[in-house]
């Protein structure tokens, strides 16, 4: 067996120590099939926001590619974390003006609530 470095752990030790799953978070305009595939091959869950695929056809091709390229050779990692992939579904993309209005309303409501709790 090769000599273990100070920060290298065996698969058995990793299984024993792991308490939480590791997820490569879906990032707008950054995450795509390449990142999801690389994450799965590294043994962690990869995800992308559905809106990154600009059409239904592209979304379908991304899913097919991810499944095809992560289906083989990852069984050992899947035993540890069930590494796979996920899709963040975004169904509301407000305009900047709508977002600012919503944030202002939430801020004002929070100030009123805080003032009521503090007796101001």
PDB file of N, CA and C in Angstrom:
ATOM      1  N   UNK A   1       0.843  -1.177   0.000  1.00  0.00           N
ATOM      2  CA  UNK A   1       0.000   0.000   0.000  1.00  0.00           C
ATOM      3  C   UNK A   1       0.886   1.236   0.000  1.00  0.00           C
ATOM      4  N   UNK A   2       0.543   2.265  -0.815  1.00  0.00           N
ATOM      5  CA  UNK A   2       1.371   3.470  -0.836  1.00  0.00           C
ATOM      6  C   UNK A   2       1.312   4.204   0.490  1.00  0.00           C
ATOM      7  N   UNK A   3       2.393   4.926   0.764  1.00  0.00           N
ATOM      8  CA  UNK A   3       2.451   5.678   2.016  1.00  0.00           C
ATOM      9  C   UNK A   3       1.398   6.788   1.994  1.00  0.00           C
ATOM     10  N   UNK A   4       0.705   6.934   3.098  1.00  0.00           N
ATOM     11  CA  UNK A   4      -0.356   7.932   3.204  1.00  0.00           C
ATOM     12  C   UNK A   4       0.227   9.259   3.673  1.00  0.00           C
ATOM     13  N   UNK A   5      -0.123  10.335   2.985  1.00  0.00           N
ATOM     14  CA  UNK A   5       0.277  11.671   3.409  1.00  0.00           C
ATOM     15  C   UNK A   5      -0.527  12.098   4.630  1.00  0.00           C
ATOM     16  N   UNK A   6      -0.162  13.207   5.182  1.00  0.00           N
ATOM     17  CA  UNK A   6      -0.822  13.686   6.388  1.00  0.00           C
ATOM     18  C   UNK A   6      -2.306  13.969   6.176  1.00  0.00           C
ATOM     19  N   UNK A   7      -2.716  14.369   4.972  1.00  0.00           N
ATOM     20  CA  UNK A   7      -4.100  14.745   4.705  1.00  0.00           C
ATOM     21  C   UNK A   7      -4.829  13.715   3.847  1.00  0.00           C
ATOM     22  N   UNK A   8      -4.239  12.582   3.625  1.00  0.00           N
ATOM     23  CA  UNK A   8      -4.863  11.545   2.808  1.00  0.00           C
ATOM     24  C   UNK A   8      -5.564  10.557   3.721  1.00  0.00           C
ATOM     25  N   UNK A   9      -6.791  10.187   3.361  1.00  0.00           N
ATOM     26  CA  UNK A   9      -7.541   9.219   4.150  1.00  0.00           C
ATOM     27  C   UNK A   9      -7.952   8.053   3.265  1.00  0.00           C
ATOM     28  N   UNK A  10      -8.146   6.918   3.885  1.00  0.00           N
ATOM     29  CA  UNK A  10      -8.611   5.755   3.141  1.00  0.00           C
ATOM     30  C   UNK A  10     -10.125   5.850   2.953  1.00  0.00           C
ATOM     31  N   UNK A  11     -10.645   5.083   2.030  1.00  0.00           N
ATOM     32  CA  UNK A  11     -12.077   5.048   1.790  1.00  0.00           C
ATOM     33  C   UNK A  11     -12.827   4.607   3.049  1.00  0.00           C
ATOM     34  N   UNK A  12     -12.289   3.640   3.758  1.00  0.00           N
ATOM     35  CA  UNK A  12     -12.928   3.165   4.989  1.00  0.00           C
ATOM     36  C   UNK A  12     -12.968   4.270   6.045  1.00  0.00           C
ATOM     37  N   UNK A  13     -11.865   5.015   6.169  1.00  0.00           N
ATOM     38  CA  UNK A  13     -11.832   6.096   7.146  1.00  0.00           C
ATOM     39  C   UNK A  13     -12.802   7.206   6.751  1.00  0.00           C
ATOM     40  N   UNK A  14     -12.883   7.476   5.460  1.00  0.00           N
ATOM     41  CA  UNK A  14     -13.810   8.491   4.974  1.00  0.00           C
ATOM     42  C   UNK A  14     -15.245   8.096   5.294  1.00  0.00           C
ATOM     43  N   UNK A  15     -15.595   6.845   5.056  1.00  0.00           N
ATOM     44  CA  UNK A  15     -16.939   6.357   5.393  1.00  0.00           C
ATOM     45  C   UNK A  15     -17.229   6.532   6.876  1.00  0.00           C
ATOM     46  N   UNK A  16     -16.248   6.255   7.709  1.00  0.00           N
ATOM     47  CA  UNK A  16     -16.430   6.353   9.152  1.00  0.00           C
ATOM     48  C   UNK A  16     -16.588   7.800   9.599  1.00  0.00           C
ATOM     49  N   UNK A  17     -15.843   8.733   8.971  1.00  0.00           N
ATOM     50  CA  UNK A  17     -15.828  10.119   9.422  1.00  0.00           C
ATOM     51  C   UNK A  17     -16.906  10.993   8.798  1.00  0.00           C
ATOM     52  N   UNK A  18     -17.401  10.639   7.635  1.00  0.00           N
ATOM     53  CA  UNK A  18     -18.345  11.491   6.921  1.00  0.00           C
ATOM     54  C   UNK A  18     -19.669  11.596   7.670  1.00  0.00           C
ATOM     55  N   UNK A  19     -20.108  12.797   7.931  1.00  0.00           N
ATOM     56  CA  UNK A  19     -21.363  13.025   8.637  1.00  0.00           C
ATOM     57  C   UNK A  19     -22.398  13.728   7.768  1.00  0.00           C
ATOM     58  N   UNK A  20     -21.964  14.524   6.814  1.00  0.00           N
ATOM     59  CA  UNK A  20     -22.869  15.278   5.959  1.00  0.00           C
ATOM     60  C   UNK A  20     -22.515  15.037   4.496  1.00  0.00           C
ATOM     61  N   UNK A  21     -23.506  15.066   3.620  1.00  0.00           N
ATOM     62  CA  UNK A  21     -23.186  14.921   2.193  1.00  0.00           C
ATOM     63  C   UNK A  21     -22.509  16.189   1.670  1.00  0.00           C
ATOM     64  N   UNK A  22     -21.704  16.036   0.655  1.00  0.00           N
ATOM     65  CA  UNK A  22     -21.054  17.166   0.004  1.00  0.00           C
ATOM     66  C   UNK A  22     -21.794  17.413  -1.300  1.00  0.00           C
ATOM     67  N   UNK A  23     -22.178  18.660  -1.525  1.00  0.00           N
ATOM     68  CA  UNK A  23     -22.950  19.005  -2.719  1.00  0.00           C
ATOM     69  C   UNK A  23     -22.281  20.185  -3.412  1.00  0.00           C
ATOM     70  N   UNK A  24     -22.060  20.038  -4.713  1.00  0.00           N
ATOM     71  CA  UNK A  24     -21.610  21.166  -5.524  1.00  0.00           C
ATOM     72  C   UNK A  24     -22.885  21.921  -5.882  1.00  0.00           C
ATOM     73  N   UNK A  25     -23.055  23.092  -5.295  1.00  0.00           N
ATOM     74  CA  UNK A  25     -24.310  23.833  -5.399  1.00  0.00           C
ATOM     75  C   UNK A  25     -24.570  24.310  -6.823  1.00  0.00           C
ATOM     76  N   UNK A  26     -25.844  24.362  -7.180  1.00  0.00           N
ATOM     77  CA  UNK A  26     -26.188  24.906  -8.500  1.00  0.00           C
ATOM     78  C   UNK A  26     -25.950  26.414  -8.536  1.00  0.00           C
ATOM     79  N   UNK A  27     -25.151  26.859  -9.503  1.00  0.00           N
ATOM     80  CA  UNK A  27     -24.820  28.280  -9.612  1.00  0.00           C
ATOM     81  C   UNK A  27     -25.279  28.810 -10.964  1.00  0.00           C
ATOM     82  N   UNK A  28     -26.021  29.899 -10.925  1.00  0.00           N
ATOM     83  CA  UNK A  28     -26.539  30.510 -12.147  1.00  0.00           C
ATOM     84  C   UNK A  28     -25.392  30.884 -13.079  1.00  0.00           C
ATOM     85  N   UNK A  29     -25.530  30.476 -14.325  1.00  0.00           N
ATOM     86  CA  UNK A  29     -24.575  30.733 -15.407  1.00  0.00           C
ATOM     87  C   UNK A  29     -23.209  30.082 -15.225  1.00  0.00           C
ATOM     88  N   UNK A  30     -23.040  29.282 -14.189  1.00  0.00           N
ATOM     89  CA  UNK A  30     -21.760  28.619 -13.954  1.00  0.00           C
ATOM     90  C   UNK A  30     -21.910  27.104 -14.083  1.00  0.00           C
ATOM     91  N   UNK A  31     -22.879  26.539 -13.400  1.00  0.00           N
ATOM     92  CA  UNK A  31     -23.044  25.082 -13.373  1.00  0.00           C
ATOM     93  C   UNK A  31     -23.659  24.575 -14.670  1.00  0.00           C
ATOM     94  N   UNK A  32     -23.104  23.494 -15.145  1.00  0.00           N
ATOM     95  CA  UNK A  32     -23.612  22.836 -16.333  1.00  0.00           C
ATOM     96  C   UNK A  32     -23.247  21.371 -16.268  1.00  0.00           C
ATOM     97  N   UNK A  33     -23.429  20.660 -17.356  1.00  0.00           N
ATOM     98  CA  UNK A  33     -23.154  19.223 -17.317  1.00  0.00           C
ATOM     99  C   UNK A  33     -21.711  18.886 -16.971  1.00  0.00           C
ATOM    100  N   UNK A  34     -20.754  19.690 -17.429  1.00  0.00           N
ATOM    101  CA  UNK A  34     -19.355  19.399 -17.127  1.00  0.00           C
ATOM    102  C   UNK A  34     -19.101  19.407 -15.624  1.00  0.00           C
ATOM    103  N   UNK A  35     -19.630  20.419 -14.933  1.00  0.00           N
ATOM    104  CA  UNK A  35     -19.419  20.527 -13.498  1.00  0.00           C
ATOM    105  C   UNK A  35     -20.123  19.392 -12.754  1.00  0.00           C
ATOM    106  N   UNK A  36     -21.334  19.072 -13.173  1.00  0.00           N
ATOM    107  CA  UNK A  36     -22.094  18.000 -12.523  1.00  0.00           C
ATOM    108  C   UNK A  36     -21.387  16.657 -12.708  1.00  0.00           C
ATOM    109  N   UNK A  37     -20.913  16.390 -13.906  1.00  0.00           N
ATOM    110  CA  UNK A  37     -20.205  15.140 -14.194  1.00  0.00           C
ATOM    111  C   UNK A  37     -18.920  15.063 -13.379  1.00  0.00           C
ATOM    112  N   UNK A  38     -18.148  16.154 -13.352  1.00  0.00           N
ATOM    113  CA  UNK A  38     -16.899  16.169 -12.572  1.00  0.00           C
ATOM    114  C   UNK A  38     -17.181  15.948 -11.093  1.00  0.00           C
ATOM    115  N   UNK A  39     -18.224  16.575 -10.563  1.00  0.00           N
ATOM    116  CA  UNK A  39     -18.575  16.393  -9.154  1.00  0.00           C
ATOM    117  C   UNK A  39     -18.923  14.937  -8.874  1.00  0.00           C
ATOM    118  N   UNK A  40     -19.747  14.348  -9.720  1.00  0.00           N
ATOM    119  CA  UNK A  40     -20.124  12.946  -9.516  1.00  0.00           C
ATOM    120  C   UNK A  40     -18.914  12.029  -9.572  1.00  0.00           C
ATOM    121  N   UNK A  41     -18.020  12.296 -10.505  1.00  0.00           N
ATOM    122  CA  UNK A  41     -16.822  11.463 -10.618  1.00  0.00           C
ATOM    123  C   UNK A  41     -15.899  11.642  -9.422  1.00  0.00           C
ATOM    124  N   UNK A  42     -15.993  12.798  -8.755  1.00  0.00           N
ATOM    125  CA  UNK A  42     -15.202  13.037  -7.548  1.00  0.00           C
ATOM    126  C   UNK A  42     -15.887  12.478  -6.308  1.00  0.00           C
ATOM    127  N   UNK A  43     -17.110  11.981  -6.473  1.00  0.00           N
ATOM    128  CA  UNK A  43     -17.805  11.354  -5.363  1.00  0.00           C
ATOM    129  C   UNK A  43     -18.735  12.258  -4.590  1.00  0.00           C
ATOM    130  N   UNK A  44     -19.067  13.415  -5.153  1.00  0.00           N
ATOM    131  CA  UNK A  44     -20.013  14.309  -4.488  1.00  0.00           C
ATOM    132  C   UNK A  44     -21.195  14.566  -5.413  1.00  0.00           C
ATOM    133  N   UNK A  45     -22.241  15.114  -4.854  1.00  0.00           N
ATOM    134  CA  UNK A  45     -23.442  15.392  -5.636  1.00  0.00           C
ATOM    135  C   UNK A  45     -23.238  16.690  -6.400  1.00  0.00           C
ATOM    136  N   UNK A  46     -23.496  16.662  -7.685  1.00  0.00           N
ATOM    137  CA  UNK A  46     -23.415  17.863  -8.510  1.00  0.00           C
ATOM    138  C   UNK A  46     -24.810  18.326  -8.879  1.00  0.00           C
ATOM    139  N   UNK A  47     -24.995  19.630  -9.001  1.00  0.00           N
ATOM    140  CA  UNK A  47     -26.310  20.164  -9.350  1.00  0.00           C
ATOM    141  C   UNK A  47     -26.153  21.387 -10.243  1.00  0.00           C
ATOM    142  N   UNK A  48     -27.196  21.660 -11.007  1.00  0.00           N
ATOM    143  CA  UNK A  48     -27.220  22.866 -11.828  1.00  0.00           C
ATOM    144  C   UNK A  48     -28.641  23.424 -11.836  1.00  0.00           C
ATOM    145  N   UNK A  49     -28.772  24.762 -11.988  1.00  0.00           N
ATOM    146  CA  UNK A  49     -30.110  25.334 -12.092  1.00  0.00           C
ATOM    147  C   UNK A  49     -30.670  25.054 -13.485  1.00  0.00           C
ATOM    148  N   UNK A  50     -31.917  24.681 -13.543  1.00  0.00           N
ATOM    149  CA  UNK A  50     -32.519  24.344 -14.832  1.00  0.00           C
ATOM    150  C   UNK A  50     -32.460  25.494 -15.822  1.00  0.00           C
ATOM    151  N   UNK A  51     -32.476  26.718 -15.323  1.00  0.00           N
ATOM    152  CA  UNK A  51     -32.487  27.889 -16.203  1.00  0.00           C
ATOM    153  C   UNK A  51     -31.169  28.044 -16.965  1.00  0.00           C
ATOM    154  N   UNK A  52     -30.092  27.380 -16.526  1.00  0.00           N
ATOM    155  CA  UNK A  52     -28.826  27.462 -17.252  1.00  0.00           C
ATOM    156  C   UNK A  52     -28.920  26.833 -18.635  1.00  0.00           C
ATOM    157  N   UNK A  53     -29.765  25.835 -18.784  1.00  0.00           N
ATOM    158  CA  UNK A  53     -30.037  25.279 -20.111  1.00  0.00           C
ATOM    159  C   UNK A  53     -31.083  26.190 -20.740  1.00  0.00           C
ATOM    160  N   UNK A  54     -30.767  26.781 -21.856  1.00  0.00           N
ATOM    161  CA  UNK A  54     -31.600  27.852 -22.406  1.00  0.00           C
ATOM    162  C   UNK A  54     -32.825  27.387 -23.189  1.00  0.00           C
ATOM    163  N   UNK A  55     -32.971  26.081 -23.391  1.00  0.00           N
ATOM    164  CA  UNK A  55     -34.160  25.574 -24.081  1.00  0.00           C
ATOM    165  C   UNK A  55     -34.491  24.193 -23.537  1.00  0.00           C
ATOM    166  N   UNK A  56     -35.703  23.746 -23.796  1.00  0.00           N
ATOM    167  CA  UNK A  56     -36.112  22.408 -23.358  1.00  0.00           C
ATOM    168  C   UNK A  56     -35.233  21.344 -24.000  1.00  0.00           C
ATOM    169  N   UNK A  57     -34.856  21.560 -25.239  1.00  0.00           N
ATOM    170  CA  UNK A  57     -34.006  20.601 -25.945  1.00  0.00           C
ATOM    171  C   UNK A  57     -32.627  20.526 -25.310  1.00  0.00           C
ATOM    172  N   UNK A  58     -32.067  21.689 -24.971  1.00  0.00           N
ATOM    173  CA  UNK A  58     -30.751  21.708 -24.329  1.00  0.00           C
ATOM    174  C   UNK A  58     -30.822  21.057 -22.942  1.00  0.00           C
ATOM    175  N   UNK A  59     -31.888  21.342 -22.196  1.00  0.00           N
ATOM    176  CA  UNK A  59     -32.080  20.743 -20.869  1.00  0.00           C
ATOM    177  C   UNK A  59     -32.123  19.221 -20.985  1.00  0.00           C
ATOM    178  N   UNK A  60     -32.879  18.724 -21.949  1.00  0.00           N
ATOM    179  CA  UNK A  60     -32.969  17.272 -22.152  1.00  0.00           C
ATOM    180  C   UNK A  60     -31.612  16.685 -22.520  1.00  0.00           C
ATOM    181  N   UNK A  61     -30.870  17.356 -23.380  1.00  0.00           N
ATOM    182  CA  UNK A  61     -29.560  16.824 -23.784  1.00  0.00           C
ATOM    183  C   UNK A  61     -28.585  16.843 -22.609  1.00  0.00           C
ATOM    184  N   UNK A  62     -28.666  17.863 -21.746  1.00  0.00           N
ATOM    185  CA  UNK A  62     -27.813  17.907 -20.558  1.00  0.00           C
ATOM    186  C   UNK A  62     -28.103  16.713 -19.653  1.00  0.00           C
ATOM    187  N   UNK A  63     -29.375  16.467 -19.385  1.00  0.00           N
ATOM    188  CA  UNK A  63     -29.733  15.342 -18.516  1.00  0.00           C
ATOM    189  C   UNK A  63     -29.277  14.014 -19.108  1.00  0.00           C
ATOM    190  N   UNK A  64     -29.488  13.830 -20.397  1.00  0.00           N
ATOM    191  CA  UNK A  64     -29.057  12.588 -21.049  1.00  0.00           C
ATOM    192  C   UNK A  64     -27.543  12.421 -20.944  1.00  0.00           C
ATOM    193  N   UNK A  65     -26.794  13.496 -21.180  1.00  0.00           N
ATOM    194  CA  UNK A  65     -25.331  13.432 -21.104  1.00  0.00           C
ATOM    195  C   UNK A  65     -24.874  13.119 -19.680  1.00  0.00           C
ATOM    196  N   UNK A  66     -25.465  13.783 -18.696  1.00  0.00           N
ATOM    197  CA  UNK A  66     -25.082  13.556 -17.298  1.00  0.00           C
ATOM    198  C   UNK A  66     -25.324  12.110 -16.915  1.00  0.00           C
ATOM    199  N   UNK A  67     -26.487  11.590 -17.242  1.00  0.00           N
ATOM    200  CA  UNK A  67     -26.801  10.193 -16.907  1.00  0.00           C
ATOM    201  C   UNK A  67     -25.845   9.254 -17.630  1.00  0.00           C
ATOM    202  N   UNK A  68     -25.614   9.504 -18.909  1.00  0.00           N
ATOM    203  CA  UNK A  68     -24.731   8.639 -19.706  1.00  0.00           C
ATOM    204  C   UNK A  68     -23.302   8.638 -19.157  1.00  0.00           C
ATOM    205  N   UNK A  69     -22.789   9.808 -18.821  1.00  0.00           N
ATOM    206  CA  UNK A  69     -21.381   9.920 -18.420  1.00  0.00           C
ATOM    207  C   UNK A  69     -21.136   9.629 -16.942  1.00  0.00           C
ATOM    208  N   UNK A  70     -22.177   9.533 -16.146  1.00  0.00           N
ATOM    209  CA  UNK A  70     -21.985   9.215 -14.732  1.00  0.00           C
ATOM    210  C   UNK A  70     -22.520   7.845 -14.372  1.00  0.00           C
ATOM    211  N   UNK A  71     -23.033   7.139 -15.339  1.00  0.00           N
ATOM    212  CA  UNK A  71     -23.649   5.841 -15.067  1.00  0.00           C
ATOM    213  C   UNK A  71     -22.632   4.744 -14.774  1.00  0.00           C
ATOM    214  N   UNK A  72     -21.458   4.822 -15.362  1.00  0.00           N
ATOM    215  CA  UNK A  72     -20.470   3.755 -15.214  1.00  0.00           C
ATOM    216  C   UNK A  72     -19.292   4.183 -14.358  1.00  0.00           C
ATOM    217  N   UNK A  73     -18.755   3.253 -13.629  1.00  0.00           N
ATOM    218  CA  UNK A  73     -17.511   3.477 -12.916  1.00  0.00           C
ATOM    219  C   UNK A  73     -17.597   4.277 -11.635  1.00  0.00           C
ATOM    220  N   UNK A  74     -18.787   4.563 -11.156  1.00  0.00           N
ATOM    221  CA  UNK A  74     -18.900   5.369  -9.950  1.00  0.00           C
ATOM    222  C   UNK A  74     -19.494   4.580  -8.794  1.00  0.00           C
ATOM    223  N   UNK A  75     -19.599   3.292  -8.953  1.00  0.00           N
ATOM    224  CA  UNK A  75     -20.280   2.484  -7.948  1.00  0.00           C
ATOM    225  C   UNK A  75     -19.625   2.566  -6.571  1.00  0.00           C
ATOM    226  N   UNK A  76     -18.295   2.605  -6.498  1.00  0.00           N
ATOM    227  CA  UNK A  76     -17.630   2.662  -5.193  1.00  0.00           C
ATOM    228  C   UNK A  76     -18.001   3.938  -4.456  1.00  0.00           C
ATOM    229  N   UNK A  77     -18.018   5.069  -5.170  1.00  0.00           N
ATOM    230  CA  UNK A  77     -18.386   6.328  -4.523  1.00  0.00           C
ATOM    231  C   UNK A  77     -19.851   6.330  -4.134  1.00  0.00           C
ATOM    232  N   UNK A  78     -20.686   5.773  -4.967  1.00  0.00           N
ATOM    233  CA  UNK A  78     -22.113   5.767  -4.647  1.00  0.00           C
ATOM    234  C   UNK A  78     -22.390   4.962  -3.387  1.00  0.00           C
ATOM    235  N   UNK A  79     -21.527   3.992  -3.085  1.00  0.00           N
ATOM    236  CA  UNK A  79     -21.681   3.257  -1.835  1.00  0.00           C
ATOM    237  C   UNK A  79     -21.434   4.167  -0.634  1.00  0.00           C
ATOM    238  N   UNK A  80     -20.601   5.178  -0.809  1.00  0.00           N
ATOM    239  CA  UNK A  80     -20.262   6.073   0.288  1.00  0.00           C
ATOM    240  C   UNK A  80     -21.334   7.144   0.459  1.00  0.00           C
ATOM    241  N   UNK A  81     -21.625   7.884  -0.615  1.00  0.00           N
ATOM    242  CA  UNK A  81     -22.504   9.055  -0.513  1.00  0.00           C
ATOM    243  C   UNK A  81     -23.745   8.979  -1.372  1.00  0.00           C
ATOM    244  N   UNK A  82     -23.883   7.977  -2.160  1.00  0.00           N
ATOM    245  CA  UNK A  82     -24.938   7.965  -3.175  1.00  0.00           C
ATOM    246  C   UNK A  82     -24.761   9.157  -4.113  1.00  0.00           C
ATOM    247  N   UNK A  83     -23.510   9.411  -4.503  1.00  0.00           N
ATOM    248  CA  UNK A  83     -23.225  10.556  -5.369  1.00  0.00           C
ATOM    249  C   UNK A  83     -24.050  10.471  -6.630  1.00  0.00           C
ATOM    250  N   UNK A  84     -24.577  11.563  -7.006  1.00  0.00           N
ATOM    251  CA  UNK A  84     -25.413  11.628  -8.193  1.00  0.00           C
ATOM    252  C   UNK A  84     -25.529  13.066  -8.637  1.00  0.00           C
ATOM    253  N   UNK A  85     -26.706  13.435  -9.079  1.00  0.00           N
ATOM    254  CA  UNK A  85     -26.887  14.794  -9.560  1.00  0.00           C
ATOM    255  C   UNK A  85     -28.277  15.306  -9.209  1.00  0.00           C
ATOM    256  N   UNK A  86     -28.405  16.619  -9.260  1.00  0.00           N
ATOM    257  CA  UNK A  86     -29.679  17.254  -8.970  1.00  0.00           C
ATOM    258  C   UNK A  86     -29.878  18.454  -9.866  1.00  0.00           C
ATOM    259  N   UNK A  87     -31.126  18.876  -9.954  1.00  0.00           N
ATOM    260  CA  UNK A  87     -31.478  20.027 -10.777  1.00  0.00           C
ATOM    261  C   UNK A  87     -32.241  21.011  -9.904  1.00  0.00           C
ATOM    262  N   UNK A  88     -31.782  22.249  -9.890  1.00  0.00           N
ATOM    263  CA  UNK A  88     -32.504  23.309  -9.182  1.00  0.00           C
ATOM    264  C   UNK A  88     -33.513  23.921 -10.134  1.00  0.00           C
ATOM    265  N   UNK A  89     -34.784  23.738  -9.828  1.00  0.00           N
ATOM    266  CA  UNK A  89     -35.834  24.277 -10.696  1.00  0.00           C
ATOM    267  C   UNK A  89     -36.159  25.708 -10.297  1.00  0.00           C
ATOM    268  N   UNK A  90     -36.089  26.596 -11.247  1.00  0.00           N
ATOM    269  CA  UNK A  90     -36.376  28.007 -11.019  1.00  0.00           C
ATOM    270  C   UNK A  90     -37.642  28.328 -11.799  1.00  0.00           C
ATOM    271  N   UNK A  91     -38.694  28.688 -11.070  1.00  0.00           N
ATOM    272  CA  UNK A  91     -39.952  28.963 -11.764  1.00  0.00           C
ATOM    273  C   UNK A  91     -40.366  30.427 -11.693  1.00  0.00           C
ATOM    274  N   UNK A  92     -39.559  31.260 -11.026  1.00  0.00           N
ATOM    275  CA  UNK A  92     -39.892  32.670 -10.895  1.00  0.00           C
ATOM    276  C   UNK A  92     -38.628  33.489 -11.113  1.00  0.00           C
ATOM    277  N   UNK A  93     -38.604  34.229 -12.196  1.00  0.00           N
ATOM    278  CA  UNK A  93     -37.467  35.100 -12.472  1.00  0.00           C
ATOM    279  C   UNK A  93     -38.016  36.520 -12.599  1.00  0.00           C
ATOM    280  N   UNK A  94     -38.064  37.232 -11.464  1.00  0.00           N
ATOM    281  CA  UNK A  94     -38.639  38.580 -11.502  1.00  0.00           C
ATOM    282  C   UNK A  94     -37.698  39.568 -12.181  1.00  0.00           C
ATOM    283  N   UNK A  95     -38.289  40.652 -12.642  1.00  0.00           N
ATOM    284  CA  UNK A  95     -37.463  41.732 -13.190  1.00  0.00           C
ATOM    285  C   UNK A  95     -36.727  42.395 -12.019  1.00  0.00           C
ATOM    286  N   UNK A  96     -35.738  43.186 -12.331  1.00  0.00           N
ATOM    287  CA  UNK A  96     -34.985  43.877 -11.285  1.00  0.00           C
ATOM    288  C   UNK A  96     -35.918  44.805 -10.500  1.00  0.00           C
ATOM    289  N   UNK A  97     -36.813  45.504 -11.198  1.00  0.00           N
ATOM    290  CA  UNK A  97     -37.750  46.407 -10.518  1.00  0.00           C
ATOM    291  C   UNK A  97     -38.647  45.630  -9.559  1.00  0.00           C
ATOM    292  N   UNK A  98     -39.167  44.485  -9.998  1.00  0.00           N
ATOM    293  CA  UNK A  98     -40.017  43.665  -9.120  1.00  0.00           C
ATOM    294  C   UNK A  98     -39.219  43.167  -7.911  1.00  0.00           C
ATOM    295  N   UNK A  99     -37.996  42.758  -8.142  1.00  0.00           N
ATOM    296  CA  UNK A  99     -37.155  42.269  -7.051  1.00  0.00           C
ATOM    297  C   UNK A  99     -36.876  43.374  -6.032  1.00  0.00           C
ATOM    298  N   UNK A 100     -36.564  44.567  -6.507  1.00  0.00           N
ATOM    299  CA  UNK A 100     -36.309  45.685  -5.599  1.00  0.00           C
ATOM    300  C   UNK A 100     -37.562  46.041  -4.798  1.00  0.00           C
ATOM    301  N   UNK A 101     -38.726  46.034  -5.449  1.00  0.00           N
ATOM    302  CA  UNK A 101     -39.978  46.302  -4.726  1.00  0.00           C
ATOM    303  C   UNK A 101     -40.207  45.262  -3.639  1.00  0.00           C
ATOM    304  N   UNK A 102     -39.974  44.011  -3.968  1.00  0.00           N
ATOM    305  CA  UNK A 102     -40.170  42.934  -2.992  1.00  0.00           C
ATOM    306  C   UNK A 102     -39.187  43.069  -1.822  1.00  0.00           C
ATOM    307  N   UNK A 103     -37.926  43.350  -2.128  1.00  0.00           N
ATOM    308  CA  UNK A 103     -36.927  43.516  -1.065  1.00  0.00           C
ATOM    309  C   UNK A 103     -37.244  44.712  -0.179  1.00  0.00           C
ATOM    310  N   UNK A 104     -37.712  45.810  -0.774  1.00  0.00           N
ATOM    311  CA  UNK A 104     -38.072  46.987   0.020  1.00  0.00           C
ATOM    312  C   UNK A 104     -39.247  46.669   0.947  1.00  0.00           C
ATOM    313  N   UNK A 105     -40.249  45.958   0.440  1.00  0.00           N
ATOM    314  CA  UNK A 105     -41.404  45.589   1.270  1.00  0.00           C
ATOM    315  C   UNK A 105     -40.976  44.670   2.411  1.00  0.00           C
ATOM    316  N   UNK A 106     -40.091  43.709   2.129  1.00  0.00           N
ATOM    317  CA  UNK A 106     -39.606  42.806   3.183  1.00  0.00           C
ATOM    318  C   UNK A 106     -38.796  43.576   4.228  1.00  0.00           C
ATOM    319  N   UNK A 107     -37.983  44.516   3.777  1.00  0.00           N
ATOM    320  CA  UNK A 107     -37.180  45.331   4.690  1.00  0.00           C
ATOM    321  C   UNK A 107     -38.083  46.164   5.601  1.00  0.00           C
ATOM    322  N   UNK A 108     -39.085  46.816   5.016  1.00  0.00           N
ATOM    323  CA  UNK A 108     -39.998  47.642   5.812  1.00  0.00           C
ATOM    324  C   UNK A 108     -40.759  46.788   6.821  1.00  0.00           C
ATOM    325  N   UNK A 109     -41.223  45.620   6.412  1.00  0.00           N
ATOM    326  CA  UNK A 109     -41.933  44.718   7.325  1.00  0.00           C
ATOM    327  C   UNK A 109     -41.018  44.275   8.459  1.00  0.00           C
ATOM    328  N   UNK A 110     -39.758  44.001   8.159  1.00  0.00           N
ATOM    329  CA  UNK A 110     -38.802  43.582   9.192  1.00  0.00           C
ATOM    330  C   UNK A 110     -38.549  44.716  10.181  1.00  0.00           C
ATOM    331  N   UNK A 111     -38.454  45.952   9.696  1.00  0.00           N
ATOM    332  CA  UNK A 111     -38.245  47.107  10.591  1.00  0.00           C
ATOM    333  C   UNK A 111     -39.431  47.289  11.530  1.00  0.00           C
ATOM    334  N   UNK A 112     -40.657  47.166  10.981  1.00  0.00           N
ATOM    335  CA  UNK A 112     -41.855  47.307  11.803  1.00  0.00           C
ATOM    336  C   UNK A 112     -41.889  46.203  12.871  1.00  0.00           C
ATOM    337  N   UNK A 113     -41.578  44.984  12.478  1.00  0.00           N
ATOM    338  CA  UNK A 113     -41.576  43.857  13.414  1.00  0.00           C
ATOM    339  C   UNK A 113     -40.526  44.055  14.507  1.00  0.00           C
ATOM    340  N   UNK A 114     -39.346  44.478  14.125  1.00  0.00           N
ATOM    341  CA  UNK A 114     -38.268  44.706  15.086  1.00  0.00           C
ATOM    342  C   UNK A 114     -38.622  45.836  16.056  1.00  0.00           C
ATOM    343  N   UNK A 115     -39.201  46.909  15.524  1.00  0.00           N
ATOM    344  CA  UNK A 115     -39.599  48.037  16.375  1.00  0.00           C
ATOM    345  C   UNK A 115     -40.667  47.607  17.384  1.00  0.00           C
ATOM    346  N   UNK A 116     -41.590  46.747  16.959  1.00  0.00           N
ATOM    347  CA  UNK A 116     -42.644  46.269  17.855  1.00  0.00           C
ATOM    348  C   UNK A 116     -42.038  45.416  18.974  1.00  0.00           C
ATOM    349  N   UNK A 117     -41.056  44.606  18.645  1.00  0.00           N
ATOM    350  CA  UNK A 117     -40.418  43.744  19.653  1.00  0.00           C
ATOM    351  C   UNK A 117     -39.553  44.539  20.622  1.00  0.00           C
ATOM    352  N   UNK A 118     -38.976  45.618  20.139  1.00  0.00           N
ATOM    353  CA  UNK A 118     -38.076  46.431  20.974  1.00  0.00           C
ATOM    354  C   UNK A 118     -38.815  47.534  21.713  1.00  0.00           C
ATOM    355  N   UNK A 119     -40.116  47.664  21.436  1.00  0.00           N
ATOM    356  CA  UNK A 119     -40.908  48.685  22.113  1.00  0.00           C
ATOM    357  C   UNK A 119     -40.657  50.086  21.606  1.00  0.00           C
ATOM    358  N   UNK A 120     -40.166  50.211  20.402  1.00  0.00           N
ATOM    359  CA  UNK A 120     -39.905  51.556  19.850  1.00  0.00           C
ATOM    360  C   UNK A 120     -41.089  52.068  19.080  1.00  0.00           C
TER     361      UNK A 120
END
